[in-house]
Amino acid sequence: MTEDEFQKVENPMRLVFMGTPDFSVPILAALIDAGHEVVCVYSQPPRKSGRGQKVNLTPVHAYAQSQGIEVRTPLNLKSEEDQKAFADLNADCAIVAAYGLILPKVILDAPKLGCINAHASILPRWRGAAPIQRAIEAGDDVSGVTIMQMDIGLDTGDMLLVQPVPITQETTGQSLHDSLSMESAQLTLEALRALDGGFAKPQKQPEEGVTYAHKLEKGESQIDWSQSAIEIDRKIRAFTPWPGTWFSMGKDRIKVIEAEPVELNGEAGTRLKADGLVIACAQEGALKLKTVQRSGKGATDAESFLCGFDIPFGEKLA
């Protein structure tokens, strides 16, 4: 992302940015490139990860630090000291994008124009933690971005701007994540212009159509062959790249990275006599596995995989 991608604002605003993962970085970058004054960034605290338990900064923390912006990482924002420190920033507005903490009312009310949130769905559908993945998993044909004014509820605030983004049969969690992240950056700038100019038109969220996108869990990753091929395919795409999907064969766990439904039938969970690695699913249909990965090995196409790891016809997978 370069400065040329976003028009410089005539009246820079004094902003606080609150975000944590990769999704949030393009939004922060857009605010900086547009000429706004980001006086402070809030992000989740650094955490240990990997075999060596190395302490890693969050993506937002690392990017803000590279831009010379102060970063704060409170465990929560409940203490009077943290709340006063936030208010003392004297911000015009706070921009929130996948921050990961609930904001108390005193924080929401501190900036002159309040706090606005970039949420990766068309609200009120998929409020909550994992809207991108749940939309694909559910078979939605559209996702999108909602920029909303935050209140004390969970993604219940008034909507400022909405931008739909289509979901196709090729859409994965990663590809939709990337599209929505970039849309969020542009839409956030538009919302700030409207708020600063006094022509924003907040709208209440519809009372009907509320759904919740529950947090992704590793325990959801195992493929259930009693589901239909279409359902399993959606899950594989939704859970790419994390937490991924897998099945077991003996003592081996096989990760499925790419697959496609095909019109073949058989006993659910068994390999069919067909071209490549085709597994029967329930409720008719089968899944042709295109790219897989054995534990401790690199990802490979199914044909190459079968050269070194045989799955006999009729073998039932777990």
C-alpha atoms as a PDB file:
ATOM      1  CA  MET A   1       0.000   0.000   0.000  1.00  0.00           C
ATOM      2  CA  THR A   2       1.441   3.385  -0.981  1.00  0.00           C
ATOM      3  CA  GLU A   3       0.532   6.967  -0.222  1.00  0.00           C
ATOM      4  CA  ASP A   4      -0.687   7.378  -3.809  1.00  0.00           C
ATOM      5  CA  GLU A   5      -3.522   4.900  -3.241  1.00  0.00           C
ATOM      6  CA  PHE A   6      -5.467   7.205  -0.904  1.00  0.00           C
ATOM      7  CA  GLN A   7      -6.306  10.869  -1.404  1.00  0.00           C
ATOM      8  CA  LYS A   8      -4.787  13.102   1.260  1.00  0.00           C
ATOM      9  CA  VAL A   9      -7.374  14.567   3.623  1.00  0.00           C
ATOM     10  CA  GLU A  10      -7.741  18.339   3.820  1.00  0.00           C
ATOM     11  CA  ASN A  11      -8.430  18.319   7.542  1.00  0.00           C
ATOM     12  CA  PRO A  12      -6.386  15.616   9.287  1.00  0.00           C
ATOM     13  CA  MET A  13      -8.064  14.142  12.330  1.00  0.00           C
ATOM     14  CA  ARG A  14      -6.447  13.178  15.605  1.00  0.00           C
ATOM     15  CA  LEU A  15      -7.061   9.429  15.830  1.00  0.00           C
ATOM     16  CA  VAL A  16      -6.513   6.435  18.065  1.00  0.00           C
ATOM     17  CA  PHE A  17      -6.327   3.042  16.332  1.00  0.00           C
ATOM     18  CA  MET A  18      -7.250  -0.201  18.101  1.00  0.00           C
ATOM     19  CA  GLY A  19      -6.542  -3.490  16.315  1.00  0.00           C
ATOM     20  CA  THR A  20      -4.545  -6.690  16.510  1.00  0.00           C
ATOM     21  CA  PRO A  21      -4.313  -9.125  13.522  1.00  0.00           C
ATOM     22  CA  ASP A  22      -3.223  -8.895   9.892  1.00  0.00           C
ATOM     23  CA  PHE A  23      -6.764  -7.890   8.905  1.00  0.00           C
ATOM     24  CA  SER A  24      -6.350  -4.554  10.699  1.00  0.00           C
ATOM     25  CA  VAL A  25      -2.979  -3.484   9.271  1.00  0.00           C
ATOM     26  CA  PRO A  26      -4.215  -2.134   5.886  1.00  0.00           C
ATOM     27  CA  ILE A  27      -6.752   0.022   7.729  1.00  0.00           C
ATOM     28  CA  LEU A  28      -4.072   1.547   9.940  1.00  0.00           C
ATOM     29  CA  ALA A  29      -1.810   2.030   6.909  1.00  0.00           C
ATOM     30  CA  ALA A  30      -4.606   3.792   5.010  1.00  0.00           C
ATOM     31  CA  LEU A  31      -5.203   6.239   7.872  1.00  0.00           C
ATOM     32  CA  ILE A  32      -1.521   7.113   7.972  1.00  0.00           C
ATOM     33  CA  ASP A  33      -1.199   7.369   4.169  1.00  0.00           C
ATOM     34  CA  ALA A  34      -4.250   9.641   3.988  1.00  0.00           C
ATOM     35  CA  GLY A  35      -2.542  12.088   6.338  1.00  0.00           C
ATOM     36  CA  HIS A  36      -4.467  11.538   9.553  1.00  0.00           C
ATOM     37  CA  GLU A  37      -2.576  11.912  12.823  1.00  0.00           C
ATOM     38  CA  VAL A  38      -2.596   8.522  14.545  1.00  0.00           C
ATOM     39  CA  VAL A  39      -1.489   9.552  18.020  1.00  0.00           C
ATOM     40  CA  CYS A  40      -1.557   6.099  19.606  1.00  0.00           C
ATOM     41  CA  VAL A  41      -2.251   2.464  18.754  1.00  0.00           C
ATOM     42  CA  TYR A  42      -3.790  -0.106  21.084  1.00  0.00           C
ATOM     43  CA  SER A  43      -3.206  -3.808  20.437  1.00  0.00           C
ATOM     44  CA  GLN A  44      -3.285  -7.152  22.229  1.00  0.00           C
ATOM     45  CA  PRO A  45      -0.187  -7.823  24.375  1.00  0.00           C
ATOM     46  CA  PRO A  46       2.733  -9.738  22.835  1.00  0.00           C
ATOM     47  CA  ARG A  47       2.370 -13.473  23.420  1.00  0.00           C
ATOM     48  CA  LYS A  48       4.619 -16.511  23.306  1.00  0.00           C
ATOM     49  CA  SER A  49       4.133 -18.901  20.406  1.00  0.00           C
ATOM     50  CA  GLY A  50       5.870 -21.725  18.551  1.00  0.00           C
ATOM     51  CA  ARG A  51       8.131 -24.449  19.843  1.00  0.00           C
ATOM     52  CA  GLY A  52      10.647 -21.974  21.194  1.00  0.00           C
ATOM     53  CA  GLN A  53       7.899 -19.939  22.898  1.00  0.00           C
ATOM     54  CA  LYS A  54       9.250 -16.785  21.320  1.00  0.00           C
ATOM     55  CA  VAL A  55       7.474 -13.589  22.290  1.00  0.00           C
ATOM     56  CA  ASN A  56       5.890 -12.081  19.153  1.00  0.00           C
ATOM     57  CA  LEU A  57       4.334  -8.685  18.600  1.00  0.00           C
ATOM     58  CA  THR A  58       0.890  -8.644  17.000  1.00  0.00           C
ATOM     59  CA  PRO A  59       0.865  -7.579  13.319  1.00  0.00           C
ATOM     60  CA  VAL A  60      -0.678  -4.210  14.218  1.00  0.00           C
ATOM     61  CA  HIS A  61       1.852  -3.653  17.010  1.00  0.00           C
ATOM     62  CA  ALA A  62       4.762  -4.430  14.679  1.00  0.00           C
ATOM     63  CA  TYR A  63       3.468  -2.141  11.920  1.00  0.00           C
ATOM     64  CA  ALA A  64       2.721   0.761  14.270  1.00  0.00           C
ATOM     65  CA  GLN A  65       6.149   0.414  15.823  1.00  0.00           C
ATOM     66  CA  SER A  66       7.739   0.545  12.356  1.00  0.00           C
ATOM     67  CA  GLN A  67       5.897   3.833  11.791  1.00  0.00           C
ATOM     68  CA  GLY A  68       7.139   5.334  15.051  1.00  0.00           C
ATOM     69  CA  ILE A  69       3.703   5.354  16.677  1.00  0.00           C
ATOM     70  CA  GLU A  70       3.265   4.740  20.410  1.00  0.00           C
ATOM     71  CA  VAL A  71       1.716   1.328  21.110  1.00  0.00           C
ATOM     72  CA  ARG A  72      -0.171   0.420  24.283  1.00  0.00           C
ATOM     73  CA  THR A  73      -1.049  -3.172  25.188  1.00  0.00           C
ATOM     74  CA  PRO A  74      -3.295  -3.228  28.274  1.00  0.00           C
ATOM     75  CA  LEU A  75      -4.795  -6.553  29.330  1.00  0.00           C
ATOM     76  CA  ASN A  76      -8.117  -4.743  29.561  1.00  0.00           C
ATOM     77  CA  LEU A  77      -9.391  -1.180  29.783  1.00  0.00           C
ATOM     78  CA  LYS A  78     -11.194  -1.421  33.100  1.00  0.00           C
ATOM     79  CA  SER A  79      -8.780   0.471  35.354  1.00  0.00           C
ATOM     80  CA  GLU A  80      -9.223   4.187  35.996  1.00  0.00           C
ATOM     81  CA  GLU A  81      -5.562   4.692  35.104  1.00  0.00           C
ATOM     82  CA  ASP A  82      -5.944   3.116  31.632  1.00  0.00           C
ATOM     83  CA  GLN A  83      -9.204   4.963  31.023  1.00  0.00           C
ATOM     84  CA  LYS A  84      -7.669   8.322  31.964  1.00  0.00           C
ATOM     85  CA  ALA A  85      -4.643   7.625  29.755  1.00  0.00           C
ATOM     86  CA  PHE A  86      -6.998   6.950  26.843  1.00  0.00           C
ATOM     87  CA  ALA A  87      -9.055  10.101  27.473  1.00  0.00           C
ATOM     88  CA  ASP A  88      -5.883  12.189  27.768  1.00  0.00           C
ATOM     89  CA  LEU A  89      -5.084  11.403  24.123  1.00  0.00           C
ATOM     90  CA  ASN A  90      -7.813  13.923  23.279  1.00  0.00           C
ATOM     91  CA  ALA A  91      -8.727  12.035  20.098  1.00  0.00           C
ATOM     92  CA  ASP A  92     -11.289  13.153  17.563  1.00  0.00           C
ATOM     93  CA  CYS A  93     -12.223   9.521  16.920  1.00  0.00           C
ATOM     94  CA  ALA A  94     -11.065   5.988  17.682  1.00  0.00           C
ATOM     95  CA  ILE A  95     -10.950   3.409  14.888  1.00  0.00           C
ATOM     96  CA  VAL A  96     -11.453  -0.196  16.009  1.00  0.00           C
ATOM     97  CA  ALA A  97     -10.786  -3.229  13.799  1.00  0.00           C
ATOM     98  CA  ALA A  98     -10.540  -6.731  15.258  1.00  0.00           C
ATOM     99  CA  TYR A  99      -9.039  -5.424  18.496  1.00  0.00           C
ATOM    100  CA  GLY A 100     -10.160  -8.312  20.686  1.00  0.00           C
ATOM    101  CA  LEU A 101     -11.211  -6.439  23.832  1.00  0.00           C
ATOM    102  CA  ILE A 102     -14.590  -5.186  24.995  1.00  0.00           C
ATOM    103  CA  LEU A 103     -14.550  -1.393  25.302  1.00  0.00           C
ATOM    104  CA  PRO A 104     -16.208   0.052  28.420  1.00  0.00           C
ATOM    105  CA  LYS A 105     -18.655   2.919  27.919  1.00  0.00           C
ATOM    106  CA  VAL A 106     -16.189   5.441  29.342  1.00  0.00           C
ATOM    107  CA  ILE A 107     -13.772   4.511  26.530  1.00  0.00           C
ATOM    108  CA  LEU A 108     -16.495   4.635  23.869  1.00  0.00           C
ATOM    109  CA  ASP A 109     -17.493   8.118  24.998  1.00  0.00           C
ATOM    110  CA  ALA A 110     -13.984   9.599  25.306  1.00  0.00           C
ATOM    111  CA  PRO A 111     -13.231  10.628  21.665  1.00  0.00           C
ATOM    112  CA  LYS A 112     -15.123  13.664  20.386  1.00  0.00           C
ATOM    113  CA  LEU A 113     -16.828  11.621  17.633  1.00  0.00           C
ATOM    114  CA  GLY A 114     -16.874   8.351  19.560  1.00  0.00           C
ATOM    115  CA  CYS A 115     -15.489   5.031  18.346  1.00  0.00           C
ATOM    116  CA  ILE A 116     -16.191   3.451  14.967  1.00  0.00           C
ATOM    117  CA  ASN A 117     -15.649  -0.192  14.093  1.00  0.00           C
ATOM    118  CA  ALA A 118     -14.838  -1.923  10.804  1.00  0.00           C
ATOM    119  CA  HIS A 119     -16.675  -5.261  10.963  1.00  0.00           C
ATOM    120  CA  ALA A 120     -16.241  -8.004   8.349  1.00  0.00           C
ATOM    121  CA  SER A 121     -19.884  -8.756   7.593  1.00  0.00           C
ATOM    122  CA  ILE A 122     -23.107  -7.050   6.576  1.00  0.00           C
ATOM    123  CA  LEU A 123     -24.691  -6.564   9.960  1.00  0.00           C
ATOM    124  CA  PRO A 124     -26.719  -7.786  11.738  1.00  0.00           C
ATOM    125  CA  ARG A 125     -25.659 -11.081  10.130  1.00  0.00           C
ATOM    126  CA  TRP A 126     -22.532 -12.567  11.692  1.00  0.00           C
ATOM    127  CA  ARG A 127     -21.950 -10.421  14.695  1.00  0.00           C
ATOM    128  CA  GLY A 128     -19.067 -11.729  16.752  1.00  0.00           C
ATOM    129  CA  ALA A 129     -15.588 -13.184  16.432  1.00  0.00           C
ATOM    130  CA  ALA A 130     -15.373 -15.113  13.137  1.00  0.00           C
ATOM    131  CA  PRO A 131     -17.710 -13.536  10.552  1.00  0.00           C
ATOM    132  CA  ILE A 132     -15.490 -14.289   7.551  1.00  0.00           C
ATOM    133  CA  GLN A 133     -15.250 -18.030   8.111  1.00  0.00           C
ATOM    134  CA  ARG A 134     -18.829 -18.519   9.286  1.00  0.00           C
ATOM    135  CA  ALA A 135     -20.222 -16.824   6.183  1.00  0.00           C
ATOM    136  CA  ILE A 136     -18.381 -19.222   3.869  1.00  0.00           C
ATOM    137  CA  GLU A 137     -19.159 -22.239   6.050  1.00  0.00           C
ATOM    138  CA  ALA A 138     -22.870 -21.400   6.031  1.00  0.00           C
ATOM    139  CA  GLY A 139     -22.986 -21.116   2.241  1.00  0.00           C
ATOM    140  CA  ASP A 140     -23.697 -17.379   2.078  1.00  0.00           C
ATOM    141  CA  ASP A 141     -23.348 -15.901  -1.398  1.00  0.00           C
ATOM    142  CA  VAL A 142     -22.373 -12.465  -0.094  1.00  0.00           C
ATOM    143  CA  SER A 143     -20.275 -11.029   2.708  1.00  0.00           C
ATOM    144  CA  GLY A 144     -19.130  -7.459   3.154  1.00  0.00           C
ATOM    145  CA  VAL A 145     -17.933  -4.704   5.452  1.00  0.00           C
ATOM    146  CA  THR A 146     -19.959  -2.609   7.855  1.00  0.00           C
ATOM    147  CA  ILE A 147     -18.550   0.560   9.398  1.00  0.00           C
ATOM    148  CA  MET A 148     -20.569   1.226  12.530  1.00  0.00           C
ATOM    149  CA  GLN A 149     -20.660   3.556  15.502  1.00  0.00           C
ATOM    150  CA  MET A 150     -19.828   1.455  18.543  1.00  0.00           C
ATOM    151  CA  ASP A 151     -22.082   1.057  21.554  1.00  0.00           C
ATOM    152  CA  ILE A 152     -21.876  -1.232  24.574  1.00  0.00           C
ATOM    153  CA  GLY A 153     -23.451  -4.184  22.725  1.00  0.00           C
ATOM    154  CA  LEU A 154     -21.657  -6.829  20.663  1.00  0.00           C
ATOM    155  CA  ASP A 155     -21.574  -5.361  17.137  1.00  0.00           C
ATOM    156  CA  THR A 156     -24.964  -3.717  17.681  1.00  0.00           C
ATOM    157  CA  GLY A 157     -24.135  -0.092  16.861  1.00  0.00           C
ATOM    158  CA  ASP A 158     -25.681   2.109  14.190  1.00  0.00           C
ATOM    159  CA  MET A 159     -24.341   1.540  10.675  1.00  0.00           C
ATOM    160  CA  LEU A 160     -22.517   4.311   8.836  1.00  0.00           C
ATOM    161  CA  LEU A 161     -21.495   2.546   5.614  1.00  0.00           C
ATOM    162  CA  VAL A 162     -21.923  -0.920   4.105  1.00  0.00           C
ATOM    163  CA  GLN A 163     -20.042  -2.504   1.196  1.00  0.00           C
ATOM    164  CA  PRO A 164     -21.093  -5.981  -0.062  1.00  0.00           C
ATOM    165  CA  VAL A 165     -18.455  -8.453  -1.318  1.00  0.00           C
ATOM    166  CA  PRO A 166     -19.530 -11.621  -3.202  1.00  0.00           C
ATOM    167  CA  ILE A 167     -18.666 -15.146  -2.070  1.00  0.00           C
ATOM    168  CA  THR A 168     -18.070 -17.652  -4.868  1.00  0.00           C
ATOM    169  CA  GLN A 169     -17.424 -21.395  -4.948  1.00  0.00           C
ATOM    170  CA  GLU A 170     -13.692 -20.593  -5.028  1.00  0.00           C
ATOM    171  CA  THR A 171     -13.699 -18.177  -2.091  1.00  0.00           C
ATOM    172  CA  THR A 172     -11.538 -19.206   0.865  1.00  0.00           C
ATOM    173  CA  GLY A 173     -11.178 -17.762   4.333  1.00  0.00           C
ATOM    174  CA  GLN A 174      -7.873 -16.205   3.255  1.00  0.00           C
ATOM    175  CA  SER A 175      -9.122 -14.674   0.005  1.00  0.00           C
ATOM    176  CA  LEU A 176     -12.231 -13.198   1.642  1.00  0.00           C
ATOM    177  CA  HIS A 177     -10.133 -11.936   4.557  1.00  0.00           C
ATOM    178  CA  ASP A 178      -7.853 -10.081   2.150  1.00  0.00           C
ATOM    179  CA  SER A 179     -10.723  -8.576   0.129  1.00  0.00           C
ATOM    180  CA  LEU A 180     -12.613  -7.395   3.205  1.00  0.00           C
ATOM    181  CA  SER A 181      -9.472  -5.963   4.776  1.00  0.00           C
ATOM    182  CA  MET A 182      -8.831  -3.724   1.772  1.00  0.00           C
ATOM    183  CA  GLU A 183     -12.511  -2.741   1.517  1.00  0.00           C
ATOM    184  CA  SER A 184     -12.438  -1.868   5.219  1.00  0.00           C
ATOM    185  CA  ALA A 185      -9.509   0.489   4.694  1.00  0.00           C
ATOM    186  CA  GLN A 186     -11.283   2.478   1.988  1.00  0.00           C
ATOM    187  CA  LEU A 187     -14.644   2.478   3.755  1.00  0.00           C
ATOM    188  CA  THR A 188     -13.109   3.664   7.032  1.00  0.00           C
ATOM    189  CA  LEU A 189     -11.668   6.714   5.275  1.00  0.00           C
ATOM    190  CA  GLU A 190     -15.076   7.450   3.739  1.00  0.00           C
ATOM    191  CA  ALA A 191     -16.783   7.157   7.130  1.00  0.00           C
ATOM    192  CA  LEU A 192     -14.303   9.560   8.714  1.00  0.00           C
ATOM    193  CA  ARG A 193     -14.908  12.100   5.944  1.00  0.00           C
ATOM    194  CA  ALA A 194     -18.641  11.869   6.579  1.00  0.00           C
ATOM    195  CA  LEU A 195     -18.274  12.220  10.339  1.00  0.00           C
ATOM    196  CA  ASP A 196     -15.856  15.124  10.064  1.00  0.00           C
ATOM    197  CA  GLY A 197     -18.028  16.871   7.474  1.00  0.00           C
ATOM    198  CA  GLY A 198     -21.211  16.388   9.457  1.00  0.00           C
ATOM    199  CA  PHE A 199     -23.027  14.513   6.706  1.00  0.00           C
ATOM    200  CA  ALA A 200     -22.875  10.982   8.161  1.00  0.00           C
ATOM    201  CA  LYS A 201     -26.264   9.257   8.281  1.00  0.00           C
ATOM    202  CA  PRO A 202     -26.217   6.493  10.929  1.00  0.00           C
ATOM    203  CA  GLN A 203     -28.878   3.831  10.480  1.00  0.00           C
ATOM    204  CA  LYS A 204     -30.193   1.356  13.018  1.00  0.00           C
ATOM    205  CA  GLN A 205     -29.425  -2.272  12.310  1.00  0.00           C
ATOM    206  CA  PRO A 206     -32.416  -4.393  11.219  1.00  0.00           C
ATOM    207  CA  GLU A 207     -34.011  -6.320  14.052  1.00  0.00           C
ATOM    208  CA  GLU A 208     -34.374  -9.412  11.880  1.00  0.00           C
ATOM    209  CA  GLY A 209     -31.563 -11.566  10.527  1.00  0.00           C
ATOM    210  CA  VAL A 210     -29.285 -11.485  13.567  1.00  0.00           C
ATOM    211  CA  THR A 211     -26.710 -14.311  13.645  1.00  0.00           C
ATOM    212  CA  TYR A 212     -23.558 -14.816  15.700  1.00  0.00           C
ATOM    213  CA  ALA A 213     -20.193 -15.892  14.337  1.00  0.00           C
ATOM    214  CA  HIS A 214     -18.781 -17.932  17.178  1.00  0.00           C
ATOM    215  CA  LYS A 215     -15.018 -18.106  17.676  1.00  0.00           C
ATOM    216  CA  LEU A 216     -13.182 -20.763  15.645  1.00  0.00           C
ATOM    217  CA  GLU A 217     -11.995 -23.761  17.628  1.00  0.00           C
ATOM    218  CA  LYS A 218      -9.375 -26.361  16.699  1.00  0.00           C
ATOM    219  CA  GLY A 219     -11.868 -29.059  17.685  1.00  0.00           C
ATOM    220  CA  GLU A 220     -13.985 -28.137  14.646  1.00  0.00           C
ATOM    221  CA  SER A 221     -11.224 -29.056  12.225  1.00  0.00           C
ATOM    222  CA  GLN A 222     -11.854 -32.775  11.779  1.00  0.00           C
ATOM    223  CA  ILE A 223     -13.860 -33.603   8.659  1.00  0.00           C
ATOM    224  CA  ASP A 224     -17.184 -35.314   9.283  1.00  0.00           C
ATOM    225  CA  TRP A 225     -17.890 -37.512   6.281  1.00  0.00           C
ATOM    226  CA  SER A 226     -21.527 -37.845   7.360  1.00  0.00           C
ATOM    227  CA  GLN A 227     -22.013 -34.317   6.042  1.00  0.00           C
ATOM    228  CA  SER A 228     -22.676 -33.589   2.380  1.00  0.00           C
ATOM    229  CA  ALA A 229     -19.827 -32.932  -0.039  1.00  0.00           C
ATOM    230  CA  ILE A 230     -20.976 -29.320  -0.418  1.00  0.00           C
ATOM    231  CA  GLU A 231     -20.952 -28.754   3.343  1.00  0.00           C
ATOM    232  CA  ILE A 232     -17.480 -30.249   3.723  1.00  0.00           C
ATOM    233  CA  ASP A 233     -16.140 -28.231   0.793  1.00  0.00           C
ATOM    234  CA  ARG A 234     -17.447 -25.035   2.372  1.00  0.00           C
ATOM    235  CA  LYS A 235     -15.754 -25.907   5.632  1.00  0.00           C
ATOM    236  CA  ILE A 236     -12.430 -26.641   3.934  1.00  0.00           C
ATOM    237  CA  ARG A 237     -12.528 -23.284   2.151  1.00  0.00           C
ATOM    238  CA  ALA A 238     -13.757 -21.407   5.240  1.00  0.00           C
ATOM    239  CA  PHE A 239     -11.059 -22.851   7.493  1.00  0.00           C
ATOM    240  CA  THR A 240      -8.209 -22.047   5.062  1.00  0.00           C
ATOM    241  CA  PRO A 241      -5.625 -21.222   6.306  1.00  0.00           C
ATOM    242  CA  TRP A 242      -6.656 -21.606   9.970  1.00  0.00           C
ATOM    243  CA  PRO A 243      -7.606 -23.798  11.748  1.00  0.00           C
ATOM    244  CA  GLY A 244      -7.555 -26.040   8.655  1.00  0.00           C
ATOM    245  CA  THR A 245      -9.434 -29.314   8.119  1.00  0.00           C
ATOM    246  CA  TRP A 246      -8.199 -32.906   8.347  1.00  0.00           C
ATOM    247  CA  PHE A 247      -9.064 -36.596   8.469  1.00  0.00           C
ATOM    248  CA  SER A 248      -7.145 -39.465  10.009  1.00  0.00           C
ATOM    249  CA  MET A 249      -5.810 -42.605   8.348  1.00  0.00           C
ATOM    250  CA  GLY A 250      -4.394 -44.996  10.903  1.00  0.00           C
ATOM    251  CA  LYS A 251      -1.968 -42.984  13.000  1.00  0.00           C
ATOM    252  CA  ASP A 252      -1.616 -40.278  10.371  1.00  0.00           C
ATOM    253  CA  ARG A 253      -3.487 -37.003  10.230  1.00  0.00           C
ATOM    254  CA  ILE A 254      -4.046 -35.750   6.678  1.00  0.00           C
ATOM    255  CA  LYS A 255      -4.796 -32.067   6.186  1.00  0.00           C
ATOM    256  CA  VAL A 256      -7.071 -31.168   3.272  1.00  0.00           C
ATOM    257  CA  ILE A 257      -6.123 -27.869   1.677  1.00  0.00           C
ATOM    258  CA  GLU A 258      -8.202 -27.935  -1.506  1.00  0.00           C
ATOM    259  CA  ALA A 259     -11.084 -30.100  -2.721  1.00  0.00           C
ATOM    260  CA  GLU A 260     -14.155 -30.025  -4.951  1.00  0.00           C
ATOM    261  CA  PRO A 261     -17.543 -31.764  -4.799  1.00  0.00           C
ATOM    262  CA  VAL A 262     -18.230 -34.397  -7.494  1.00  0.00           C
ATOM    263  CA  GLU A 263     -21.350 -36.367  -8.412  1.00  0.00           C
ATOM    264  CA  LEU A 264     -20.381 -39.845  -7.225  1.00  0.00           C
ATOM    265  CA  ASN A 265     -21.960 -41.984  -4.534  1.00  0.00           C
ATOM    266  CA  GLY A 266     -20.771 -44.542  -2.015  1.00  0.00           C
ATOM    267  CA  GLU A 267     -20.546 -45.339   1.677  1.00  0.00           C
ATOM    268  CA  ALA A 268     -19.717 -42.163   3.569  1.00  0.00           C
ATOM    269  CA  GLY A 269     -16.018 -41.846   4.358  1.00  0.00           C
ATOM    270  CA  THR A 270     -14.718 -44.463   1.905  1.00  0.00           C
ATOM    271  CA  ARG A 271     -12.389 -43.991  -1.048  1.00  0.00           C
ATOM    272  CA  LEU A 272     -14.172 -44.573  -4.322  1.00  0.00           C
ATOM    273  CA  LYS A 273     -12.794 -46.169  -7.463  1.00  0.00           C
ATOM    274  CA  ALA A 274     -12.433 -42.953  -9.367  1.00  0.00           C
ATOM    275  CA  ASP A 275      -9.743 -40.714 -10.780  1.00  0.00           C
ATOM    276  CA  GLY A 276      -7.528 -39.457  -7.960  1.00  0.00           C
ATOM    277  CA  LEU A 277      -8.482 -39.337  -4.299  1.00  0.00           C
ATOM    278  CA  VAL A 278     -12.289 -39.253  -4.126  1.00  0.00           C
ATOM    279  CA  ILE A 279     -14.079 -39.772  -0.812  1.00  0.00           C
ATOM    280  CA  ALA A 280     -17.790 -40.554  -0.559  1.00  0.00           C
ATOM    281  CA  CYS A 281     -19.916 -38.298   1.606  1.00  0.00           C
ATOM    282  CA  ALA A 282     -23.362 -38.747   3.110  1.00  0.00           C
ATOM    283  CA  GLN A 283     -26.580 -37.471   1.520  1.00  0.00           C
ATOM    284  CA  GLU A 284     -25.157 -38.370  -1.906  1.00  0.00           C
ATOM    285  CA  GLY A 285     -22.099 -36.832  -3.541  1.00  0.00           C
ATOM    286  CA  ALA A 286     -18.385 -37.184  -2.950  1.00  0.00           C
ATOM    287  CA  LEU A 287     -15.376 -34.977  -2.443  1.00  0.00           C
ATOM    288  CA  LYS A 288     -12.364 -35.019  -4.744  1.00  0.00           C
ATOM    289  CA  LEU A 289      -9.317 -34.078  -2.687  1.00  0.00           C
ATOM    290  CA  LYS A 290      -6.969 -31.962  -4.813  1.00  0.00           C
ATOM    291  CA  THR A 291      -4.283 -30.768  -2.388  1.00  0.00           C
ATOM    292  CA  VAL A 292      -3.430 -32.523   0.872  1.00  0.00           C
ATOM    293  CA  GLN A 293      -0.697 -32.523   3.491  1.00  0.00           C
ATOM    294  CA  ARG A 294       0.507 -35.356   5.694  1.00  0.00           C
ATOM    295  CA  SER A 295       1.734 -34.450   9.191  1.00  0.00           C
ATOM    296  CA  GLY A 296       5.344 -33.374   9.061  1.00  0.00           C
ATOM    297  CA  LYS A 297       5.358 -33.214   5.257  1.00  0.00           C
ATOM    298  CA  GLY A 298       4.834 -30.530   2.658  1.00  0.00           C
ATOM    299  CA  ALA A 299       1.557 -29.944   0.835  1.00  0.00           C
ATOM    300  CA  THR A 300       1.166 -31.879  -2.418  1.00  0.00           C
ATOM    301  CA  ASP A 301      -1.398 -32.758  -5.062  1.00  0.00           C
ATOM    302  CA  ALA A 302      -3.460 -35.868  -4.345  1.00  0.00           C
ATOM    303  CA  GLU A 303      -1.877 -37.959  -7.116  1.00  0.00           C
ATOM    304  CA  SER A 304       1.642 -37.382  -5.770  1.00  0.00           C
ATOM    305  CA  PHE A 305       0.424 -38.027  -2.254  1.00  0.00           C
ATOM    306  CA  LEU A 306      -0.980 -41.450  -3.230  1.00  0.00           C
ATOM    307  CA  CYS A 307       2.378 -42.470  -4.693  1.00  0.00           C
ATOM    308  CA  GLY A 308       3.855 -42.496  -1.200  1.00  0.00           C
ATOM    309  CA  PHE A 309       0.803 -43.108   0.966  1.00  0.00           C
ATOM    310  CA  ASP A 310      -1.725 -45.656  -0.239  1.00  0.00           C
ATOM    311  CA  ILE A 311      -5.370 -45.399   0.678  1.00  0.00           C
ATOM    312  CA  PRO A 312      -7.023 -48.595  -0.691  1.00  0.00           C
ATOM    313  CA  PHE A 313     -10.362 -48.426  -2.454  1.00  0.00           C
ATOM    314  CA  GLY A 314     -13.163 -48.983   0.027  1.00  0.00           C
ATOM    315  CA  GLU A 315     -10.978 -47.955   2.978  1.00  0.00           C
ATOM    316  CA  LYS A 316     -12.999 -45.998   5.518  1.00  0.00           C
ATOM    317  CA  LEU A 317     -11.491 -42.808   6.800  1.00  0.00           C
ATOM    318  CA  ALA A 318     -11.963 -41.290  10.234  1.00  0.00           C
END
